[in-house]
Every structure is written in structure tokens, then in C-alpha cells.
């Protein structure tokens, strides 16, 4: 199975750590975020992986050249010339991801025990264009779903901006995106963006005619390594759960 790890970001929230080190190679408990993500994907059957790079791209490429992941094939999508955002990154990696089977997209700074197999199973069962792993937590930005967890919109509670895929809902469910999604390769025939663009814009444009679903797995542990102080919390957790860092 194929997956894209989004690792190209500037990591501005992790400054000053990312001034000289790409976010993907920030370490906790002696293991990089990139290794943790690759190991998780490999454990769940994703052995064909492409990693996008931009910020300190040569460091990531050099790391992958010298580090061996057992039974995992890794390719690079080089965005050194232009950081393409999530939608542009997925489109640039079309040559690798396109085919007959759904593919996974996973942020490199997300650490969780979300079941990727369950996410894929639900995606195949429901047959939507994409299935977004969502978390019931407080944040600024939410996806908005109907009572069947079909995507209807998106909102930023800090600015009051709300965007709907179709008609607005009075009682939409607000759920936070986990940074993990399964996408049907048919999306490539529907994408209109070029260069830098967000996959969220694409989902909202397509969701009315092409169902996009959320999938909530309650009671799981999820970390977004967005700020340096979160590394300490993750370090403590990984000390108690060494299986999270093994392949």
C-alpha cells in the first residue's frame, strides 16, 4: 500500500529547533519524527512511501539515503523550489500515488495510536472520495460534518470564518482534523489547483458531489508536535510506550 508523508513544512511553531534542522528530523527519545511515522506506517502495511521535502531538504534526503527501513521502499518528492502546501504536495506526488487503490496521507509531526487499518476499512466500506481521521478536541479550526459524518464545511473559530461545501447546517458536528487521511486516486482527475494550494480547499469544492467522510476513533492518544514544549510530554509518553518507536 502507498502513502505520502508530509514533511516539507517550515516548522515555524517549533522554532528555534527548526532553524537548522527540518521538522521531520527533530528527535524525541533518540528517534526522529520521520522514523516514528515511517515505523507506524510500516507496521500497518504501508511499505511504499513517498516523503515530500522542502525546508532543509538535503538533510532529509541524506538521512533517508543512509538509514535503512526494513521492507520499506521510500521515494522523495522534492519541493525545494517551491513549498506546495497539502494539495499541491499530493498533486506533485501523483506519479507515485495514482493507481487503483486508495492511498494514505500522514503529517510527519503527528504521533498517535489511530488505527490506519480501521481508517482504510471504513473508507473502502463507505466508498467516498476521501476519509479524514478526526479527533474530538478543542482547537481553532474544525471540519463540519452532518450526523452521518459526511463533510459539509470548515470553520475557524478564531476569526469566525465558515465555509460550506453546499447548504449550511444549523447543527453541524465540529471535529478537528488529525492530519491523517485516506484518499481515492480518483481525486487526481478532479483537482483544479496548480502549484501551491490546500487540500482543504479541494475537499470543500468537491464534497457536495463527491462524498468526503470523517472517521472518529474515540479514546485514542494523539499528539501534534507543533511546539517545543510538547516534545517533553511526548518524550514522557514514549518512555512508557516504547512500542510506538519500533517498526
C-alpha atoms as a PDB file:
ATOM      1  CA  UNK A   1       0.000   0.000   0.000  1.00  0.00           C
ATOM      2  CA  UNK A   2       1.124   3.536  -0.775  1.00  0.00           C
ATOM      3  CA  UNK A   3       1.460   6.559   1.489  1.00  0.00           C
ATOM      4  CA  UNK A   4       2.657  10.158   1.390  1.00  0.00           C
ATOM      5  CA  UNK A   5       4.349  11.614   4.468  1.00  0.00           C
ATOM      6  CA  UNK A   6       4.024  15.397   4.530  1.00  0.00           C
ATOM      7  CA  UNK A   7       7.418  16.524   5.822  1.00  0.00           C
ATOM      8  CA  UNK A   8       8.171  19.655   3.801  1.00  0.00           C
ATOM      9  CA  UNK A   9       6.865  22.312   6.171  1.00  0.00           C
ATOM     10  CA  UNK A  10       8.956  25.085   7.660  1.00  0.00           C
ATOM     11  CA  UNK A  11       8.186  24.020  11.210  1.00  0.00           C
ATOM     12  CA  UNK A  12       7.766  27.618  12.355  1.00  0.00           C
ATOM     13  CA  UNK A  13       5.950  26.604  15.543  1.00  0.00           C
ATOM     14  CA  UNK A  14       8.980  24.519  16.541  1.00  0.00           C
ATOM     15  CA  UNK A  15      11.440  27.401  16.242  1.00  0.00           C
ATOM     16  CA  UNK A  16      14.242  27.735  17.212  1.00  0.00           C
ATOM     17  CA  UNK A  17      14.689  23.957  16.868  1.00  0.00           C
ATOM     18  CA  UNK A  18      13.855  24.053  13.173  1.00  0.00           C
ATOM     19  CA  UNK A  19      16.174  26.933  12.330  1.00  0.00           C
ATOM     20  CA  UNK A  20      18.909  24.442  11.458  1.00  0.00           C
ATOM     21  CA  UNK A  21      17.016  21.130  11.466  1.00  0.00           C
ATOM     22  CA  UNK A  22      13.974  20.135   9.399  1.00  0.00           C
ATOM     23  CA  UNK A  23      10.863  19.291  11.395  1.00  0.00           C
ATOM     24  CA  UNK A  24      10.983  15.692  10.189  1.00  0.00           C
ATOM     25  CA  UNK A  25      14.386  15.185  11.847  1.00  0.00           C
ATOM     26  CA  UNK A  26      13.511  16.676  15.236  1.00  0.00           C
ATOM     27  CA  UNK A  27      14.136  13.900  17.772  1.00  0.00           C
ATOM     28  CA  UNK A  28      12.402  12.744  20.900  1.00  0.00           C
ATOM     29  CA  UNK A  29      13.735   9.851  22.962  1.00  0.00           C
ATOM     30  CA  UNK A  30      16.537   9.428  20.457  1.00  0.00           C
ATOM     31  CA  UNK A  31      14.277   8.856  17.450  1.00  0.00           C
ATOM     32  CA  UNK A  32      13.198  11.334  14.784  1.00  0.00           C
ATOM     33  CA  UNK A  33       9.603  12.196  13.953  1.00  0.00           C
ATOM     34  CA  UNK A  34      10.211  10.811  10.470  1.00  0.00           C
ATOM     35  CA  UNK A  35      11.338   7.443  11.840  1.00  0.00           C
ATOM     36  CA  UNK A  36       8.338   7.241  14.161  1.00  0.00           C
ATOM     37  CA  UNK A  37       5.970   7.937  11.261  1.00  0.00           C
ATOM     38  CA  UNK A  38       7.623   5.503   8.856  1.00  0.00           C
ATOM     39  CA  UNK A  39       7.663   2.782  11.517  1.00  0.00           C
ATOM     40  CA  UNK A  40       3.958   3.272  12.232  1.00  0.00           C
ATOM     41  CA  UNK A  41       3.069   3.134   8.549  1.00  0.00           C
ATOM     42  CA  UNK A  42       5.185   0.026   8.033  1.00  0.00           C
ATOM     43  CA  UNK A  43       3.547  -1.749  10.985  1.00  0.00           C
ATOM     44  CA  UNK A  44       0.170  -1.195   9.343  1.00  0.00           C
ATOM     45  CA  UNK A  45       1.173  -2.397   5.892  1.00  0.00           C
ATOM     46  CA  UNK A  46       2.246   0.803   4.130  1.00  0.00           C
ATOM     47  CA  UNK A  47       5.553  -0.247   2.614  1.00  0.00           C
ATOM     48  CA  UNK A  48       5.646   2.058  -0.431  1.00  0.00           C
ATOM     49  CA  UNK A  49       6.167   5.539   0.964  1.00  0.00           C
ATOM     50  CA  UNK A  50       6.970   8.903  -0.582  1.00  0.00           C
ATOM     51  CA  UNK A  51       8.218  11.792   1.578  1.00  0.00           C
ATOM     52  CA  UNK A  52       7.908  15.396   0.423  1.00  0.00           C
ATOM     53  CA  UNK A  53      10.783  17.732   1.320  1.00  0.00           C
ATOM     54  CA  UNK A  54      11.466  21.479   1.209  1.00  0.00           C
ATOM     55  CA  UNK A  55      12.879  23.017   4.411  1.00  0.00           C
ATOM     56  CA  UNK A  56      16.480  21.741   4.786  1.00  0.00           C
ATOM     57  CA  UNK A  57      15.562  19.225   2.103  1.00  0.00           C
ATOM     58  CA  UNK A  58      19.109  17.926   1.690  1.00  0.00           C
ATOM     59  CA  UNK A  59      19.220  16.893   5.335  1.00  0.00           C
ATOM     60  CA  UNK A  60      16.112  14.754   4.951  1.00  0.00           C
ATOM     61  CA  UNK A  61      17.357  13.222   1.716  1.00  0.00           C
ATOM     62  CA  UNK A  62      20.735  12.439   3.262  1.00  0.00           C
ATOM     63  CA  UNK A  63      19.045  10.873   6.285  1.00  0.00           C
ATOM     64  CA  UNK A  64      16.900   8.609   4.107  1.00  0.00           C
ATOM     65  CA  UNK A  65      19.928   7.679   1.978  1.00  0.00           C
ATOM     66  CA  UNK A  66      21.828   6.348   4.969  1.00  0.00           C
ATOM     67  CA  UNK A  67      19.006   4.983   7.117  1.00  0.00           C
ATOM     68  CA  UNK A  68      17.597   1.558   6.271  1.00  0.00           C
ATOM     69  CA  UNK A  69      13.963   0.776   6.959  1.00  0.00           C
ATOM     70  CA  UNK A  70      13.316  -2.945   6.715  1.00  0.00           C
ATOM     71  CA  UNK A  71      10.955  -3.959   3.881  1.00  0.00           C
ATOM     72  CA  UNK A  72      10.022  -0.331   3.150  1.00  0.00           C
ATOM     73  CA  UNK A  73      10.546   1.386  -0.212  1.00  0.00           C
ATOM     74  CA  UNK A  74      10.977   5.147   0.130  1.00  0.00           C
ATOM     75  CA  UNK A  75      10.884   7.811  -2.579  1.00  0.00           C
ATOM     76  CA  UNK A  76      11.287  11.590  -2.421  1.00  0.00           C
ATOM     77  CA  UNK A  77       9.008  14.331  -3.739  1.00  0.00           C
ATOM     78  CA  UNK A  78      11.323  17.331  -3.888  1.00  0.00           C
ATOM     79  CA  UNK A  79       9.674  20.708  -3.320  1.00  0.00           C
ATOM     80  CA  UNK A  80      12.947  22.581  -2.830  1.00  0.00           C
ATOM     81  CA  UNK A  81      11.986  25.171  -5.443  1.00  0.00           C
ATOM     82  CA  UNK A  82       8.515  25.865  -4.024  1.00  0.00           C
ATOM     83  CA  UNK A  83       6.623  24.747  -0.930  1.00  0.00           C
ATOM     84  CA  UNK A  84       3.345  23.459  -2.364  1.00  0.00           C
ATOM     85  CA  UNK A  85       1.032  23.147   0.679  1.00  0.00           C
ATOM     86  CA  UNK A  86      -1.005  19.978   1.188  1.00  0.00           C
ATOM     87  CA  UNK A  87      -2.978  19.926  -2.055  1.00  0.00           C
ATOM     88  CA  UNK A  88      -0.012  20.831  -4.207  1.00  0.00           C
ATOM     89  CA  UNK A  89       2.106  18.218  -2.445  1.00  0.00           C
ATOM     90  CA  UNK A  90      -0.409  15.475  -3.142  1.00  0.00           C
ATOM     91  CA  UNK A  91      -0.724  16.512  -6.790  1.00  0.00           C
ATOM     92  CA  UNK A  92       3.061  16.639  -7.266  1.00  0.00           C
ATOM     93  CA  UNK A  93       3.308  13.084  -5.932  1.00  0.00           C
ATOM     94  CA  UNK A  94       0.639  11.832  -8.336  1.00  0.00           C
ATOM     95  CA  UNK A  95       3.216   9.870 -10.327  1.00  0.00           C
ATOM     96  CA  UNK A  96       3.796   7.752  -7.222  1.00  0.00           C
ATOM     97  CA  UNK A  97       0.335   7.662  -5.608  1.00  0.00           C
ATOM     98  CA  UNK A  98      -2.013   7.268  -8.575  1.00  0.00           C
ATOM     99  CA  UNK A  99      -3.343   3.793  -9.273  1.00  0.00           C
ATOM    100  CA  UNK A 100      -6.233   1.501  -8.438  1.00  0.00           C
ATOM    101  CA  UNK A 101      -6.046   1.589  -4.632  1.00  0.00           C
ATOM    102  CA  UNK A 102      -6.637   4.328  -2.040  1.00  0.00           C
ATOM    103  CA  UNK A 103      -3.520   5.938  -0.587  1.00  0.00           C
ATOM    104  CA  UNK A 104      -2.701   7.375   2.821  1.00  0.00           C
ATOM    105  CA  UNK A 105      -1.514  10.899   3.632  1.00  0.00           C
ATOM    106  CA  UNK A 106       0.086  11.392   7.070  1.00  0.00           C
ATOM    107  CA  UNK A 107       1.616  14.519   8.630  1.00  0.00           C
ATOM    108  CA  UNK A 108       5.126  13.888   9.920  1.00  0.00           C
ATOM    109  CA  UNK A 109       4.510  15.828  13.145  1.00  0.00           C
ATOM    110  CA  UNK A 110       1.546  13.683  14.243  1.00  0.00           C
ATOM    111  CA  UNK A 111       2.101  10.816  16.675  1.00  0.00           C
ATOM    112  CA  UNK A 112      -0.917   8.671  17.551  1.00  0.00           C
ATOM    113  CA  UNK A 113      -2.326   5.202  18.047  1.00  0.00           C
ATOM    114  CA  UNK A 114      -5.020   5.849  15.450  1.00  0.00           C
ATOM    115  CA  UNK A 115      -5.654   2.603  13.585  1.00  0.00           C
ATOM    116  CA  UNK A 116      -4.767   3.143   9.954  1.00  0.00           C
ATOM    117  CA  UNK A 117      -6.289  -0.232   9.098  1.00  0.00           C
ATOM    118  CA  UNK A 118      -9.647   0.785  10.584  1.00  0.00           C
ATOM    119  CA  UNK A 119      -9.469   4.082   8.706  1.00  0.00           C
ATOM    120  CA  UNK A 120      -8.863   2.242   5.431  1.00  0.00           C
ATOM    121  CA  UNK A 121     -11.611  -0.300   6.129  1.00  0.00           C
ATOM    122  CA  UNK A 122     -14.156   2.461   6.754  1.00  0.00           C
ATOM    123  CA  UNK A 123     -13.036   4.296   3.634  1.00  0.00           C
ATOM    124  CA  UNK A 124     -13.491   1.204   1.472  1.00  0.00           C
ATOM    125  CA  UNK A 125     -16.852   0.421   3.070  1.00  0.00           C
ATOM    126  CA  UNK A 126     -18.286   3.915   2.567  1.00  0.00           C
ATOM    127  CA  UNK A 127     -16.710   4.482  -0.827  1.00  0.00           C
ATOM    128  CA  UNK A 128     -16.159   8.222  -0.585  1.00  0.00           C
ATOM    129  CA  UNK A 129     -13.584  10.379  -2.309  1.00  0.00           C
ATOM    130  CA  UNK A 130     -11.638  10.661   0.948  1.00  0.00           C
ATOM    131  CA  UNK A 131     -11.936   9.703   4.607  1.00  0.00           C
ATOM    132  CA  UNK A 132     -10.495  12.099   7.183  1.00  0.00           C
ATOM    133  CA  UNK A 133      -9.357  10.877  10.580  1.00  0.00           C
ATOM    134  CA  UNK A 134     -10.839  13.357  13.042  1.00  0.00           C
ATOM    135  CA  UNK A 135     -10.395  13.973  16.761  1.00  0.00           C
ATOM    136  CA  UNK A 136     -12.863  15.378  19.289  1.00  0.00           C
ATOM    137  CA  UNK A 137     -10.662  18.074  20.841  1.00  0.00           C
ATOM    138  CA  UNK A 138     -10.549  21.813  21.282  1.00  0.00           C
ATOM    139  CA  UNK A 139      -8.747  23.768  18.584  1.00  0.00           C
ATOM    140  CA  UNK A 140      -9.201  26.837  16.386  1.00  0.00           C
ATOM    141  CA  UNK A 141     -10.125  25.127  13.138  1.00  0.00           C
ATOM    142  CA  UNK A 142     -12.719  22.427  12.643  1.00  0.00           C
ATOM    143  CA  UNK A 143     -14.235  20.393   9.869  1.00  0.00           C
ATOM    144  CA  UNK A 144     -18.044  20.467   9.962  1.00  0.00           C
ATOM    145  CA  UNK A 145     -19.991  17.232   9.454  1.00  0.00           C
ATOM    146  CA  UNK A 146     -23.612  16.124   9.304  1.00  0.00           C
ATOM    147  CA  UNK A 147     -24.911  13.305  11.514  1.00  0.00           C
ATOM    148  CA  UNK A 148     -23.533  10.675   9.121  1.00  0.00           C
ATOM    149  CA  UNK A 149     -20.056  12.272   9.340  1.00  0.00           C
ATOM    150  CA  UNK A 150     -20.263  13.474   5.768  1.00  0.00           C
ATOM    151  CA  UNK A 151     -18.190  16.620   5.302  1.00  0.00           C
ATOM    152  CA  UNK A 152     -20.282  19.788   4.995  1.00  0.00           C
ATOM    153  CA  UNK A 153     -17.902  22.619   5.787  1.00  0.00           C
ATOM    154  CA  UNK A 154     -14.987  24.111   7.667  1.00  0.00           C
ATOM    155  CA  UNK A 155     -14.673  26.855  10.272  1.00  0.00           C
ATOM    156  CA  UNK A 156     -12.017  28.931  12.012  1.00  0.00           C
ATOM    157  CA  UNK A 157     -13.404  29.869  15.408  1.00  0.00           C
ATOM    158  CA  UNK A 158     -10.720  32.496  15.998  1.00  0.00           C
ATOM    159  CA  UNK A 159     -11.794  34.565  13.003  1.00  0.00           C
ATOM    160  CA  UNK A 160     -15.411  33.484  12.618  1.00  0.00           C
ATOM    161  CA  UNK A 161     -14.792  32.353   9.036  1.00  0.00           C
ATOM    162  CA  UNK A 162     -17.028  29.483   7.951  1.00  0.00           C
ATOM    163  CA  UNK A 163     -17.068  27.842   4.547  1.00  0.00           C
ATOM    164  CA  UNK A 164     -19.693  25.384   3.369  1.00  0.00           C
ATOM    165  CA  UNK A 165     -19.412  22.686   0.721  1.00  0.00           C
ATOM    166  CA  UNK A 166     -23.103  23.170  -0.076  1.00  0.00           C
ATOM    167  CA  UNK A 167     -26.014  24.342   2.057  1.00  0.00           C
ATOM    168  CA  UNK A 168     -25.224  25.400   5.606  1.00  0.00           C
ATOM    169  CA  UNK A 169     -26.248  23.266   8.595  1.00  0.00           C
ATOM    170  CA  UNK A 170     -27.724  24.566  11.833  1.00  0.00           C
ATOM    171  CA  UNK A 171     -26.370  21.682  13.955  1.00  0.00           C
ATOM    172  CA  UNK A 172     -23.111  20.613  12.332  1.00  0.00           C
ATOM    173  CA  UNK A 173     -20.667  18.439  14.261  1.00  0.00           C
ATOM    174  CA  UNK A 174     -17.337  20.200  14.834  1.00  0.00           C
ATOM    175  CA  UNK A 175     -14.371  17.827  14.770  1.00  0.00           C
ATOM    176  CA  UNK A 176     -10.669  18.516  14.486  1.00  0.00           C
ATOM    177  CA  UNK A 177      -8.578  17.039  11.702  1.00  0.00           C
ATOM    178  CA  UNK A 178      -5.894  14.637  12.931  1.00  0.00           C
ATOM    179  CA  UNK A 179      -3.536  15.148   9.976  1.00  0.00           C
ATOM    180  CA  UNK A 180      -4.229  11.641   8.639  1.00  0.00           C
ATOM    181  CA  UNK A 181      -6.462  10.847   5.660  1.00  0.00           C
ATOM    182  CA  UNK A 182      -7.186   8.137   3.091  1.00  0.00           C
ATOM    183  CA  UNK A 183      -7.793   9.371  -0.453  1.00  0.00           C
ATOM    184  CA  UNK A 184      -9.199   7.681  -3.539  1.00  0.00           C
ATOM    185  CA  UNK A 185      -6.896   8.212  -6.533  1.00  0.00           C
ATOM    186  CA  UNK A 186      -9.900   9.448  -8.496  1.00  0.00           C
ATOM    187  CA  UNK A 187      -9.259  12.798  -6.817  1.00  0.00           C
ATOM    188  CA  UNK A 188      -6.454  13.453  -9.282  1.00  0.00           C
ATOM    189  CA  UNK A 189      -8.971  13.703 -12.138  1.00  0.00           C
ATOM    190  CA  UNK A 190     -10.943  16.279 -10.139  1.00  0.00           C
ATOM    191  CA  UNK A 191      -8.166  18.538  -8.913  1.00  0.00           C
ATOM    192  CA  UNK A 192      -8.112  22.005 -10.440  1.00  0.00           C
ATOM    193  CA  UNK A 193      -5.334  23.635  -8.445  1.00  0.00           C
ATOM    194  CA  UNK A 194      -1.807  24.160  -9.708  1.00  0.00           C
ATOM    195  CA  UNK A 195       1.328  24.943  -7.782  1.00  0.00           C
ATOM    196  CA  UNK A 196       0.644  25.779  -4.139  1.00  0.00           C
ATOM    197  CA  UNK A 197      -2.857  25.013  -2.824  1.00  0.00           C
ATOM    198  CA  UNK A 198      -4.551  23.411   0.174  1.00  0.00           C
ATOM    199  CA  UNK A 199      -6.245  20.023   0.096  1.00  0.00           C
ATOM    200  CA  UNK A 200      -8.911  21.534   2.377  1.00  0.00           C
ATOM    201  CA  UNK A 201      -9.953  23.851  -0.457  1.00  0.00           C
ATOM    202  CA  UNK A 202     -10.190  20.845  -2.747  1.00  0.00           C
ATOM    203  CA  UNK A 203     -12.276  18.841  -0.280  1.00  0.00           C
ATOM    204  CA  UNK A 204     -14.720  21.712   0.231  1.00  0.00           C
ATOM    205  CA  UNK A 205     -15.070  22.282  -3.504  1.00  0.00           C
ATOM    206  CA  UNK A 206     -15.694  18.598  -4.245  1.00  0.00           C
ATOM    207  CA  UNK A 207     -17.561  17.374  -1.162  1.00  0.00           C
ATOM    208  CA  UNK A 208     -21.089  18.221  -2.339  1.00  0.00           C
ATOM    209  CA  UNK A 209     -20.902  15.964  -5.411  1.00  0.00           C
ATOM    210  CA  UNK A 210     -18.180  13.598  -4.204  1.00  0.00           C
ATOM    211  CA  UNK A 211     -18.696  12.477  -0.593  1.00  0.00           C
ATOM    212  CA  UNK A 212     -15.864  13.102   1.847  1.00  0.00           C
ATOM    213  CA  UNK A 213     -16.303  11.464   5.239  1.00  0.00           C
ATOM    214  CA  UNK A 214     -14.889  11.829   8.704  1.00  0.00           C
ATOM    215  CA  UNK A 215     -13.885   8.914  10.879  1.00  0.00           C
ATOM    216  CA  UNK A 216     -13.695   9.286  14.656  1.00  0.00           C
ATOM    217  CA  UNK A 217     -11.905   6.723  16.816  1.00  0.00           C
ATOM    218  CA  UNK A 218     -12.736   7.681  20.425  1.00  0.00           C
ATOM    219  CA  UNK A 219     -10.410   7.138  23.355  1.00  0.00           C
ATOM    220  CA  UNK A 220      -7.145   7.171  21.436  1.00  0.00           C
ATOM    221  CA  UNK A 221      -3.934   9.068  22.107  1.00  0.00           C
ATOM    222  CA  UNK A 222      -2.907  11.775  19.654  1.00  0.00           C
ATOM    223  CA  UNK A 223      -0.081  14.318  19.674  1.00  0.00           C
ATOM    224  CA  UNK A 224       0.636  17.185  17.298  1.00  0.00           C
ATOM    225  CA  UNK A 225       4.306  18.115  17.691  1.00  0.00           C
ATOM    226  CA  UNK A 226       3.680  21.756  16.910  1.00  0.00           C
ATOM    227  CA  UNK A 227       5.556  23.433  19.744  1.00  0.00           C
ATOM    228  CA  UNK A 228       8.821  22.699  21.580  1.00  0.00           C
ATOM    229  CA  UNK A 229       7.080  22.260  24.952  1.00  0.00           C
ATOM    230  CA  UNK A 230       5.037  19.407  23.510  1.00  0.00           C
ATOM    231  CA  UNK A 231       8.199  17.395  22.908  1.00  0.00           C
ATOM    232  CA  UNK A 232       8.620  16.902  26.660  1.00  0.00           C
ATOM    233  CA  UNK A 233       5.099  15.495  27.002  1.00  0.00           C
ATOM    234  CA  UNK A 234       5.654  13.170  24.058  1.00  0.00           C
ATOM    235  CA  UNK A 235       9.012  12.078  25.465  1.00  0.00           C
ATOM    236  CA  UNK A 236       7.370  11.054  28.739  1.00  0.00           C
ATOM    237  CA  UNK A 237       4.658   9.169  26.886  1.00  0.00           C
ATOM    238  CA  UNK A 238       7.104   7.328  24.614  1.00  0.00           C
ATOM    239  CA  UNK A 239       9.177   6.277  27.620  1.00  0.00           C
ATOM    240  CA  UNK A 240       6.111   4.385  28.853  1.00  0.00           C
ATOM    241  CA  UNK A 241       5.186   3.131  25.349  1.00  0.00           C
ATOM    242  CA  UNK A 242       8.408   2.030  23.607  1.00  0.00           C
ATOM    243  CA  UNK A 243       6.376   0.017  21.097  1.00  0.00           C
ATOM    244  CA  UNK A 244       5.414   3.309  19.425  1.00  0.00           C
ATOM    245  CA  UNK A 245       9.018   3.815  18.289  1.00  0.00           C
ATOM    246  CA  UNK A 246       9.625   0.334  16.873  1.00  0.00           C
ATOM    247  CA  UNK A 247       8.916  -0.969  13.386  1.00  0.00           C
END
